[in-house]
C-alpha atoms as a PDB file:
ATOM      1  CA  MET A   1       0.000   0.000   0.000  1.00  0.00           C
ATOM      2  CA  ARG A   2       1.289   3.448  -0.882  1.00  0.00           C
ATOM      3  CA  GLY A   3       1.528   6.212   1.662  1.00  0.00           C
ATOM      4  CA  PRO A   4      -0.268   9.544   1.449  1.00  0.00           C
ATOM      5  CA  MET A   5       0.360  11.583  -1.674  1.00  0.00           C
ATOM      6  CA  ARG A   6       2.214  14.842  -1.693  1.00  0.00           C
ATOM      7  CA  PHE A   7       0.474  17.775  -3.366  1.00  0.00           C
ATOM      8  CA  ASN A   8       0.772  17.731  -7.143  1.00  0.00           C
ATOM      9  CA  LEU A   9      -0.921  20.486  -9.129  1.00  0.00           C
ATOM     10  CA  ASP A  10      -1.592  18.417 -12.257  1.00  0.00           C
ATOM     11  CA  ARG A  11      -3.135  15.556 -10.247  1.00  0.00           C
ATOM     12  CA  SER A  12      -5.201  18.072  -8.290  1.00  0.00           C
ATOM     13  CA  ILE A  13      -6.497  19.759 -11.428  1.00  0.00           C
ATOM     14  CA  ASP A  14      -7.363  16.329 -12.829  1.00  0.00           C
ATOM     15  CA  VAL A  15      -9.670  15.638  -9.867  1.00  0.00           C
ATOM     16  CA  LEU A  16     -11.102  19.169  -9.811  1.00  0.00           C
ATOM     17  CA  ALA A  17     -11.881  18.959 -13.535  1.00  0.00           C
ATOM     18  CA  ARG A  18     -13.866  15.738 -12.998  1.00  0.00           C
ATOM     19  CA  THR A  19     -16.171  16.987 -10.248  1.00  0.00           C
ATOM     20  CA  PRO A  20     -18.710  18.763 -12.495  1.00  0.00           C
ATOM     21  CA  GLY A  21     -19.112  15.605 -14.603  1.00  0.00           C
ATOM     22  CA  VAL A  22     -19.426  13.378 -11.553  1.00  0.00           C
ATOM     23  CA  VAL A  23     -22.163  15.478  -9.949  1.00  0.00           C
ATOM     24  CA  TYR A  24     -23.882  15.911 -13.322  1.00  0.00           C
ATOM     25  CA  GLU A  25     -24.044  12.133 -13.781  1.00  0.00           C
ATOM     26  CA  LEU A  26     -25.332  11.656 -10.223  1.00  0.00           C
ATOM     27  CA  LEU A  27     -27.972  14.364 -10.317  1.00  0.00           C
ATOM     28  CA  SER A  28     -28.985  15.319 -13.854  1.00  0.00           C
ATOM     29  CA  GLY A  29     -32.632  14.477 -14.457  1.00  0.00           C
ATOM     30  CA  ILE A  30     -33.064  13.010 -10.991  1.00  0.00           C
ATOM     31  CA  ASP A  31     -36.384  13.379  -9.206  1.00  0.00           C
ATOM     32  CA  GLU A  32     -36.621  16.283  -6.766  1.00  0.00           C
ATOM     33  CA  ALA A  33     -37.316  13.818  -3.945  1.00  0.00           C
ATOM     34  CA  TRP A  34     -33.649  12.807  -4.295  1.00  0.00           C
ATOM     35  CA  SER A  35     -32.135  16.213  -5.036  1.00  0.00           C
ATOM     36  CA  ARG A  36     -33.886  18.060  -2.200  1.00  0.00           C
ATOM     37  CA  ALA A  37     -33.527  15.353   0.459  1.00  0.00           C
ATOM     38  CA  THR A  38     -31.359  16.056   3.518  1.00  0.00           C
ATOM     39  CA  GLU A  39     -29.965  14.181   6.510  1.00  0.00           C
ATOM     40  CA  GLY A  40     -31.974  16.336   8.883  1.00  0.00           C
ATOM     41  CA  PRO A  41     -32.192  19.938  10.070  1.00  0.00           C
ATOM     42  CA  ASP A  42     -29.312  22.228   9.132  1.00  0.00           C
ATOM     43  CA  THR A  43     -27.813  19.777   6.628  1.00  0.00           C
ATOM     44  CA  PHE A  44     -27.346  20.165   2.888  1.00  0.00           C
ATOM     45  CA  SER A  45     -29.383  18.458   0.208  1.00  0.00           C
ATOM     46  CA  PRO A  46     -27.645  17.513  -3.056  1.00  0.00           C
ATOM     47  CA  PHE A  47     -29.212  20.681  -4.527  1.00  0.00           C
ATOM     48  CA  ASP A  48     -27.661  22.709  -1.693  1.00  0.00           C
ATOM     49  CA  VAL A  49     -24.273  21.080  -2.251  1.00  0.00           C
ATOM     50  CA  ILE A  50     -24.210  22.214  -5.879  1.00  0.00           C
ATOM     51  CA  GLY A  51     -25.139  25.761  -4.828  1.00  0.00           C
ATOM     52  CA  HIS A  52     -22.403  25.649  -2.194  1.00  0.00           C
ATOM     53  CA  LEU A  53     -19.862  24.437  -4.777  1.00  0.00           C
ATOM     54  CA  ILE A  54     -20.845  27.369  -7.021  1.00  0.00           C
ATOM     55  CA  ASP A  55     -20.268  29.776  -4.144  1.00  0.00           C
ATOM     56  CA  GLY A  56     -16.814  28.295  -3.703  1.00  0.00           C
ATOM     57  CA  GLU A  57     -16.049  28.885  -7.363  1.00  0.00           C
ATOM     58  CA  GLU A  58     -17.156  32.500  -7.092  1.00  0.00           C
ATOM     59  CA  THR A  59     -15.900  33.600  -3.698  1.00  0.00           C
ATOM     60  CA  ASP A  60     -13.515  31.073  -2.163  1.00  0.00           C
ATOM     61  CA  TRP A  61     -10.825  29.034  -3.912  1.00  0.00           C
ATOM     62  CA  MET A  62      -9.612  31.260  -6.718  1.00  0.00           C
ATOM     63  CA  ALA A  63     -10.370  34.496  -4.871  1.00  0.00           C
ATOM     64  CA  ARG A  64      -8.182  33.320  -2.008  1.00  0.00           C
ATOM     65  CA  ALA A  65      -5.491  32.027  -4.371  1.00  0.00           C
ATOM     66  CA  ARG A  66      -5.339  35.500  -5.924  1.00  0.00           C
ATOM     67  CA  VAL A  67      -4.896  37.037  -2.461  1.00  0.00           C
ATOM     68  CA  ILE A  68      -2.008  34.670  -1.749  1.00  0.00           C
ATOM     69  CA  LEU A  69      -0.328  35.332  -5.099  1.00  0.00           C
ATOM     70  CA  ALA A  70      -0.690  39.097  -4.671  1.00  0.00           C
ATOM     71  CA  GLY A  71       1.650  38.818  -1.696  1.00  0.00           C
ATOM     72  CA  THR A  72      -0.048  41.626   0.203  1.00  0.00           C
ATOM     73  CA  ASN A  73      -0.391  39.666   3.470  1.00  0.00           C
ATOM     74  CA  GLU A  74      -4.122  40.327   3.399  1.00  0.00           C
ATOM     75  CA  THR A  75      -6.509  38.303   5.505  1.00  0.00           C
ATOM     76  CA  PHE A  76      -9.032  36.381   3.433  1.00  0.00           C
ATOM     77  CA  ALA A  77     -12.571  37.712   3.424  1.00  0.00           C
ATOM     78  CA  PRO A  78     -14.837  35.465   5.523  1.00  0.00           C
ATOM     79  CA  TYR A  79     -16.626  32.796   3.495  1.00  0.00           C
ATOM     80  CA  ASP A  80     -20.419  32.579   3.710  1.00  0.00           C
ATOM     81  CA  ARG A  81     -21.175  28.834   3.616  1.00  0.00           C
ATOM     82  CA  PHE A  82     -24.905  29.522   3.311  1.00  0.00           C
ATOM     83  CA  ARG A  83     -24.928  32.248   0.613  1.00  0.00           C
ATOM     84  CA  HIS A  84     -26.382  29.745  -1.838  1.00  0.00           C
ATOM     85  CA  ARG A  85     -29.649  29.403   0.067  1.00  0.00           C
ATOM     86  CA  ALA A  86     -30.987  32.870  -0.783  1.00  0.00           C
ATOM     87  CA  ARG A  87     -29.129  33.063  -4.089  1.00  0.00           C
ATOM     88  CA  ASN A  88     -30.615  29.839  -5.464  1.00  0.00           C
ATOM     89  CA  ALA A  89     -34.111  29.893  -3.955  1.00  0.00           C
ATOM     90  CA  GLN A  90     -35.776  30.139  -7.375  1.00  0.00           C
ATOM     91  CA  ARG A  91     -33.190  28.179  -9.365  1.00  0.00           C
ATOM     92  CA  THR A  92     -33.439  24.728 -10.923  1.00  0.00           C
ATOM     93  CA  LEU A  93     -30.948  21.941 -10.442  1.00  0.00           C
ATOM     94  CA  PRO A  94     -30.099  21.793 -14.184  1.00  0.00           C
ATOM     95  CA  SER A  95     -29.242  25.506 -14.143  1.00  0.00           C
ATOM     96  CA  LEU A  96     -26.981  24.997 -11.111  1.00  0.00           C
ATOM     97  CA  LEU A  97     -25.201  22.022 -12.667  1.00  0.00           C
ATOM     98  CA  GLU A  98     -24.554  24.031 -15.827  1.00  0.00           C
ATOM     99  CA  GLU A  99     -23.342  27.082 -13.913  1.00  0.00           C
ATOM    100  CA  PHE A 100     -21.021  24.980 -11.763  1.00  0.00           C
ATOM    101  CA  ALA A 101     -19.440  23.338 -14.815  1.00  0.00           C
ATOM    102  CA  THR A 102     -18.932  26.705 -16.524  1.00  0.00           C
ATOM    103  CA  LEU A 103     -17.399  28.353 -13.452  1.00  0.00           C
ATOM    104  CA  ARG A 104     -15.136  25.393 -12.714  1.00  0.00           C
ATOM    105  CA  ASP A 105     -13.873  25.282 -16.289  1.00  0.00           C
ATOM    106  CA  ALA A 106     -13.038  28.999 -16.221  1.00  0.00           C
ATOM    107  CA  ASN A 107     -11.318  28.723 -12.834  1.00  0.00           C
ATOM    108  CA  LEU A 108      -9.195  25.770 -13.880  1.00  0.00           C
ATOM    109  CA  SER A 109      -8.203  27.532 -17.104  1.00  0.00           C
ATOM    110  CA  GLU A 110      -7.031  30.480 -15.031  1.00  0.00           C
ATOM    111  CA  LEU A 111      -5.237  28.207 -12.555  1.00  0.00           C
ATOM    112  CA  ARG A 112      -3.387  26.424 -15.380  1.00  0.00           C
ATOM    113  CA  ALA A 113      -2.432  29.762 -16.959  1.00  0.00           C
ATOM    114  CA  TRP A 114      -0.658  30.840 -13.772  1.00  0.00           C
ATOM    115  CA  GLN A 115       2.037  28.169 -14.343  1.00  0.00           C
ATOM    116  CA  LEU A 116       2.672  27.966 -10.624  1.00  0.00           C
ATOM    117  CA  THR A 117       6.130  27.147  -9.292  1.00  0.00           C
ATOM    118  CA  ASP A 118       7.025  25.491  -5.994  1.00  0.00           C
ATOM    119  CA  ALA A 119       7.881  28.950  -4.685  1.00  0.00           C
ATOM    120  CA  ASP A 120       4.387  30.166  -5.635  1.00  0.00           C
ATOM    121  CA  LEU A 121       2.800  27.169  -3.913  1.00  0.00           C
ATOM    122  CA  ASN A 122       4.647  28.036  -0.706  1.00  0.00           C
ATOM    123  CA  LEU A 123       3.336  31.629  -0.602  1.00  0.00           C
ATOM    124  CA  THR A 124       0.945  32.344   2.256  1.00  0.00           C
ATOM    125  CA  ALA A 125      -1.870  34.587   3.384  1.00  0.00           C
ATOM    126  CA  THR A 126      -3.984  34.694   6.505  1.00  0.00           C
ATOM    127  CA  HIS A 127      -7.199  32.740   6.943  1.00  0.00           C
ATOM    128  CA  PRO A 128      -9.551  34.509   9.401  1.00  0.00           C
ATOM    129  CA  THR A 129      -9.831  31.390  11.588  1.00  0.00           C
ATOM    130  CA  LEU A 130      -6.877  29.166  10.719  1.00  0.00           C
ATOM    131  CA  GLY A 131      -4.076  31.718  10.535  1.00  0.00           C
ATOM    132  CA  ARG A 132      -1.290  31.463   7.938  1.00  0.00           C
ATOM    133  CA  VAL A 133      -2.011  29.072   5.097  1.00  0.00           C
ATOM    134  CA  ALA A 134      -0.002  28.262   1.993  1.00  0.00           C
ATOM    135  CA  LEU A 135      -1.319  28.167  -1.560  1.00  0.00           C
ATOM    136  CA  ARG A 136      -0.534  24.443  -1.796  1.00  0.00           C
ATOM    137  CA  GLN A 137      -2.703  23.884   1.314  1.00  0.00           C
ATOM    138  CA  LEU A 138      -5.557  25.907  -0.174  1.00  0.00           C
ATOM    139  CA  LEU A 139      -5.435  23.979  -3.444  1.00  0.00           C
ATOM    140  CA  SER A 140      -5.174  20.625  -1.629  1.00  0.00           C
ATOM    141  CA  THR A 141      -8.184  21.596   0.463  1.00  0.00           C
ATOM    142  CA  TRP A 142     -10.128  22.446  -2.694  1.00  0.00           C
ATOM    143  CA  VAL A 143      -9.626  18.859  -3.922  1.00  0.00           C
ATOM    144  CA  VAL A 144     -10.587  17.292  -0.585  1.00  0.00           C
ATOM    145  CA  HIS A 145     -13.593  19.654  -0.316  1.00  0.00           C
ATOM    146  CA  ASP A 146     -14.854  18.417  -3.686  1.00  0.00           C
ATOM    147  CA  LEU A 147     -14.389  14.773  -2.713  1.00  0.00           C
ATOM    148  CA  GLY A 148     -16.121  15.355   0.599  1.00  0.00           C
ATOM    149  CA  HIS A 149     -19.148  16.885  -1.077  1.00  0.00           C
ATOM    150  CA  ILE A 150     -19.361  14.077  -3.647  1.00  0.00           C
ATOM    151  CA  ALA A 151     -19.403  11.665  -0.703  1.00  0.00           C
ATOM    152  CA  GLN A 152     -22.005  13.848   1.026  1.00  0.00           C
ATOM    153  CA  ILE A 153     -24.309  13.757  -2.010  1.00  0.00           C
ATOM    154  CA  THR A 154     -24.169   9.967  -2.192  1.00  0.00           C
ATOM    155  CA  ARG A 155     -24.561   9.583   1.587  1.00  0.00           C
ATOM    156  CA  VAL A 156     -27.637  11.841   1.679  1.00  0.00           C
ATOM    157  CA  MET A 157     -29.175   9.918  -1.195  1.00  0.00           C
ATOM    158  CA  ALA A 158     -28.403   6.526   0.372  1.00  0.00           C
ATOM    159  CA  LYS A 159     -29.971   7.557   3.676  1.00  0.00           C
ATOM    160  CA  GLN A 160     -33.286   8.153   1.955  1.00  0.00           C
ATOM    161  CA  TYR A 161     -33.678   4.354   1.796  1.00  0.00           C
ATOM    162  CA  ARG A 162     -32.422   3.716   5.337  1.00  0.00           C
ATOM    163  CA  GLU A 163     -35.745   2.269   6.496  1.00  0.00           C
ATOM    164  CA  GLU A 164     -36.441   0.479   3.205  1.00  0.00           C
ATOM    165  CA  ILE A 165     -33.309  -1.677   3.323  1.00  0.00           C
ATOM    166  CA  GLY A 166     -34.292  -3.185   6.654  1.00  0.00           C
ATOM    167  CA  PRO A 167     -31.683  -5.475   8.218  1.00  0.00           C
ATOM    168  CA  TRP A 168     -29.145  -4.855   5.422  1.00  0.00           C
ATOM    169  CA  ALA A 169     -28.416  -1.518   7.110  1.00  0.00           C
ATOM    170  CA  ALA A 170     -26.029  -3.438   9.366  1.00  0.00           C
ATOM    171  CA  PHE A 171     -23.819  -4.051   6.316  1.00  0.00           C
ATOM    172  CA  LEU A 172     -24.114  -0.561   4.819  1.00  0.00           C
ATOM    173  CA  PRO A 173     -22.364   2.017   7.013  1.00  0.00           C
ATOM    174  CA  ILE A 174     -23.245   4.780   4.560  1.00  0.00           C
ATOM    175  CA  VAL A 175     -26.781   4.766   5.995  1.00  0.00           C
ATOM    176  CA  THR A 176     -25.895   4.398   9.659  1.00  0.00           C
ATOM    177  CA  ASP A 177     -23.278   7.123   9.982  1.00  0.00           C
ATOM    178  CA  ARG A 178     -24.476  10.147  11.861  1.00  0.00           C
ATOM    179  CA  PRO A 179     -25.403  13.293   9.883  1.00  0.00           C
ATOM    180  CA  VAL A 180     -22.613  15.732   9.212  1.00  0.00           C
ATOM    181  CA  PRO A 181     -23.460  19.423   9.646  1.00  0.00           C
ATOM    182  CA  SER A 182     -23.196  21.531   6.506  1.00  0.00           C
ATOM    183  CA  SER A 183     -19.678  22.725   5.777  1.00  0.00           C
END
Protein backbone atom coordinates (compact mmCIF):
# COMPACT_ATOMS: atom_id res chain seq x y z
CA MET A 1 0.00 0.00 0.00
CA ARG A 2 1.29 3.45 -0.88
CA GLY A 3 1.53 6.21 1.66
CA PRO A 4 -0.27 9.54 1.45
CA MET A 5 0.36 11.58 -1.67
CA ARG A 6 2.21 14.84 -1.69
CA PHE A 7 0.47 17.77 -3.37
CA ASN A 8 0.77 17.73 -7.14
CA LEU A 9 -0.92 20.49 -9.13
CA ASP A 10 -1.59 18.42 -12.26
CA ARG A 11 -3.13 15.56 -10.25
CA SER A 12 -5.20 18.07 -8.29
CA ILE A 13 -6.50 19.76 -11.43
CA ASP A 14 -7.36 16.33 -12.83
CA VAL A 15 -9.67 15.64 -9.87
CA LEU A 16 -11.10 19.17 -9.81
CA ALA A 17 -11.88 18.96 -13.53
CA ARG A 18 -13.87 15.74 -13.00
CA THR A 19 -16.17 16.99 -10.25
CA PRO A 20 -18.71 18.76 -12.49
CA GLY A 21 -19.11 15.61 -14.60
CA VAL A 22 -19.43 13.38 -11.55
CA VAL A 23 -22.16 15.48 -9.95
CA TYR A 24 -23.88 15.91 -13.32
CA GLU A 25 -24.04 12.13 -13.78
CA LEU A 26 -25.33 11.66 -10.22
CA LEU A 27 -27.97 14.36 -10.32
CA SER A 28 -28.99 15.32 -13.85
CA GLY A 29 -32.63 14.48 -14.46
CA ILE A 30 -33.06 13.01 -10.99
CA ASP A 31 -36.38 13.38 -9.21
CA GLU A 32 -36.62 16.28 -6.77
CA ALA A 33 -37.32 13.82 -3.95
CA TRP A 34 -33.65 12.81 -4.29
CA SER A 35 -32.13 16.21 -5.04
CA ARG A 36 -33.89 18.06 -2.20
CA ALA A 37 -33.53 15.35 0.46
CA THR A 38 -31.36 16.06 3.52
CA GLU A 39 -29.97 14.18 6.51
CA GLY A 40 -31.97 16.34 8.88
CA PRO A 41 -32.19 19.94 10.07
CA ASP A 42 -29.31 22.23 9.13
CA THR A 43 -27.81 19.78 6.63
CA PHE A 44 -27.35 20.17 2.89
CA SER A 45 -29.38 18.46 0.21
CA PRO A 46 -27.64 17.51 -3.06
CA PHE A 47 -29.21 20.68 -4.53
CA ASP A 48 -27.66 22.71 -1.69
CA VAL A 49 -24.27 21.08 -2.25
CA ILE A 50 -24.21 22.21 -5.88
CA GLY A 51 -25.14 25.76 -4.83
CA HIS A 52 -22.40 25.65 -2.19
CA LEU A 53 -19.86 24.44 -4.78
CA ILE A 54 -20.84 27.37 -7.02
CA ASP A 55 -20.27 29.78 -4.14
CA GLY A 56 -16.81 28.30 -3.70
CA GLU A 57 -16.05 28.89 -7.36
CA GLU A 58 -17.16 32.50 -7.09
CA THR A 59 -15.90 33.60 -3.70
CA ASP A 60 -13.51 31.07 -2.16
CA TRP A 61 -10.83 29.03 -3.91
CA MET A 62 -9.61 31.26 -6.72
CA ALA A 63 -10.37 34.50 -4.87
CA ARG A 64 -8.18 33.32 -2.01
CA ALA A 65 -5.49 32.03 -4.37
CA ARG A 66 -5.34 35.50 -5.92
CA VAL A 67 -4.90 37.04 -2.46
CA ILE A 68 -2.01 34.67 -1.75
CA LEU A 69 -0.33 35.33 -5.10
CA ALA A 70 -0.69 39.10 -4.67
CA GLY A 71 1.65 38.82 -1.70
CA THR A 72 -0.05 41.63 0.20
CA ASN A 73 -0.39 39.67 3.47
CA GLU A 74 -4.12 40.33 3.40
CA THR A 75 -6.51 38.30 5.50
CA PHE A 76 -9.03 36.38 3.43
CA ALA A 77 -12.57 37.71 3.42
CA PRO A 78 -14.84 35.46 5.52
CA TYR A 79 -16.63 32.80 3.49
CA ASP A 80 -20.42 32.58 3.71
CA ARG A 81 -21.17 28.83 3.62
CA PHE A 82 -24.91 29.52 3.31
CA ARG A 83 -24.93 32.25 0.61
CA HIS A 84 -26.38 29.74 -1.84
CA ARG A 85 -29.65 29.40 0.07
CA ALA A 86 -30.99 32.87 -0.78
CA ARG A 87 -29.13 33.06 -4.09
CA ASN A 88 -30.62 29.84 -5.46
CA ALA A 89 -34.11 29.89 -3.96
CA GLN A 90 -35.78 30.14 -7.37
CA ARG A 91 -33.19 28.18 -9.37
CA THR A 92 -33.44 24.73 -10.92
CA LEU A 93 -30.95 21.94 -10.44
CA PRO A 94 -30.10 21.79 -14.18
CA SER A 95 -29.24 25.51 -14.14
CA LEU A 96 -26.98 25.00 -11.11
CA LEU A 97 -25.20 22.02 -12.67
CA GLU A 98 -24.55 24.03 -15.83
CA GLU A 99 -23.34 27.08 -13.91
CA PHE A 100 -21.02 24.98 -11.76
CA ALA A 101 -19.44 23.34 -14.82
CA THR A 102 -18.93 26.70 -16.52
CA LEU A 103 -17.40 28.35 -13.45
CA ARG A 104 -15.14 25.39 -12.71
CA ASP A 105 -13.87 25.28 -16.29
CA ALA A 106 -13.04 29.00 -16.22
CA ASN A 107 -11.32 28.72 -12.83
CA LEU A 108 -9.20 25.77 -13.88
CA SER A 109 -8.20 27.53 -17.10
CA GLU A 110 -7.03 30.48 -15.03
CA LEU A 111 -5.24 28.21 -12.56
CA ARG A 112 -3.39 26.42 -15.38
CA ALA A 113 -2.43 29.76 -16.96
CA TRP A 114 -0.66 30.84 -13.77
CA GLN A 115 2.04 28.17 -14.34
CA LEU A 116 2.67 27.97 -10.62
CA THR A 117 6.13 27.15 -9.29
CA ASP A 118 7.03 25.49 -5.99
CA ALA A 119 7.88 28.95 -4.68
CA ASP A 120 4.39 30.17 -5.64
CA LEU A 121 2.80 27.17 -3.91
CA ASN A 122 4.65 28.04 -0.71
CA LEU A 123 3.34 31.63 -0.60
CA THR A 124 0.95 32.34 2.26
CA ALA A 125 -1.87 34.59 3.38
CA THR A 126 -3.98 34.69 6.51
CA HIS A 127 -7.20 32.74 6.94
CA PRO A 128 -9.55 34.51 9.40
CA THR A 129 -9.83 31.39 11.59
CA LEU A 130 -6.88 29.17 10.72
CA GLY A 131 -4.08 31.72 10.53
CA ARG A 132 -1.29 31.46 7.94
CA VAL A 133 -2.01 29.07 5.10
CA ALA A 134 0.00 28.26 1.99
CA LEU A 135 -1.32 28.17 -1.56
CA ARG A 136 -0.53 24.44 -1.80
CA GLN A 137 -2.70 23.88 1.31
CA LEU A 138 -5.56 25.91 -0.17
CA LEU A 139 -5.44 23.98 -3.44
CA SER A 140 -5.17 20.62 -1.63
CA THR A 141 -8.18 21.60 0.46
CA TRP A 142 -10.13 22.45 -2.69
CA VAL A 143 -9.63 18.86 -3.92
CA VAL A 144 -10.59 17.29 -0.58
CA HIS A 145 -13.59 19.65 -0.32
CA ASP A 146 -14.85 18.42 -3.69
CA LEU A 147 -14.39 14.77 -2.71
CA GLY A 148 -16.12 15.36 0.60
CA HIS A 149 -19.15 16.89 -1.08
CA ILE A 150 -19.36 14.08 -3.65
CA ALA A 151 -19.40 11.66 -0.70
CA GLN A 152 -22.00 13.85 1.03
CA ILE A 153 -24.31 13.76 -2.01
CA THR A 154 -24.17 9.97 -2.19
CA ARG A 155 -24.56 9.58 1.59
CA VAL A 156 -27.64 11.84 1.68
CA MET A 157 -29.17 9.92 -1.19
CA ALA A 158 -28.40 6.53 0.37
CA LYS A 159 -29.97 7.56 3.68
CA GLN A 160 -33.29 8.15 1.96
CA TYR A 161 -33.68 4.35 1.80
CA ARG A 162 -32.42 3.72 5.34
CA GLU A 163 -35.74 2.27 6.50
CA GLU A 164 -36.44 0.48 3.21
CA ILE A 165 -33.31 -1.68 3.32
CA GLY A 166 -34.29 -3.18 6.65
CA PRO A 167 -31.68 -5.48 8.22
CA TRP A 168 -29.14 -4.86 5.42
CA ALA A 169 -28.42 -1.52 7.11
CA ALA A 170 -26.03 -3.44 9.37
CA PHE A 171 -23.82 -4.05 6.32
CA LEU A 172 -24.11 -0.56 4.82
CA PRO A 173 -22.36 2.02 7.01
CA ILE A 174 -23.25 4.78 4.56
CA VAL A 175 -26.78 4.77 5.99
CA THR A 176 -25.89 4.40 9.66
CA ASP A 177 -23.28 7.12 9.98
CA ARG A 178 -24.48 10.15 11.86
CA PRO A 179 -25.40 13.29 9.88
CA VAL A 180 -22.61 15.73 9.21
CA PRO A 181 -23.46 19.42 9.65
CA SER A 182 -23.20 21.53 6.51
CA SER A 183 -19.68 22.72 5.78
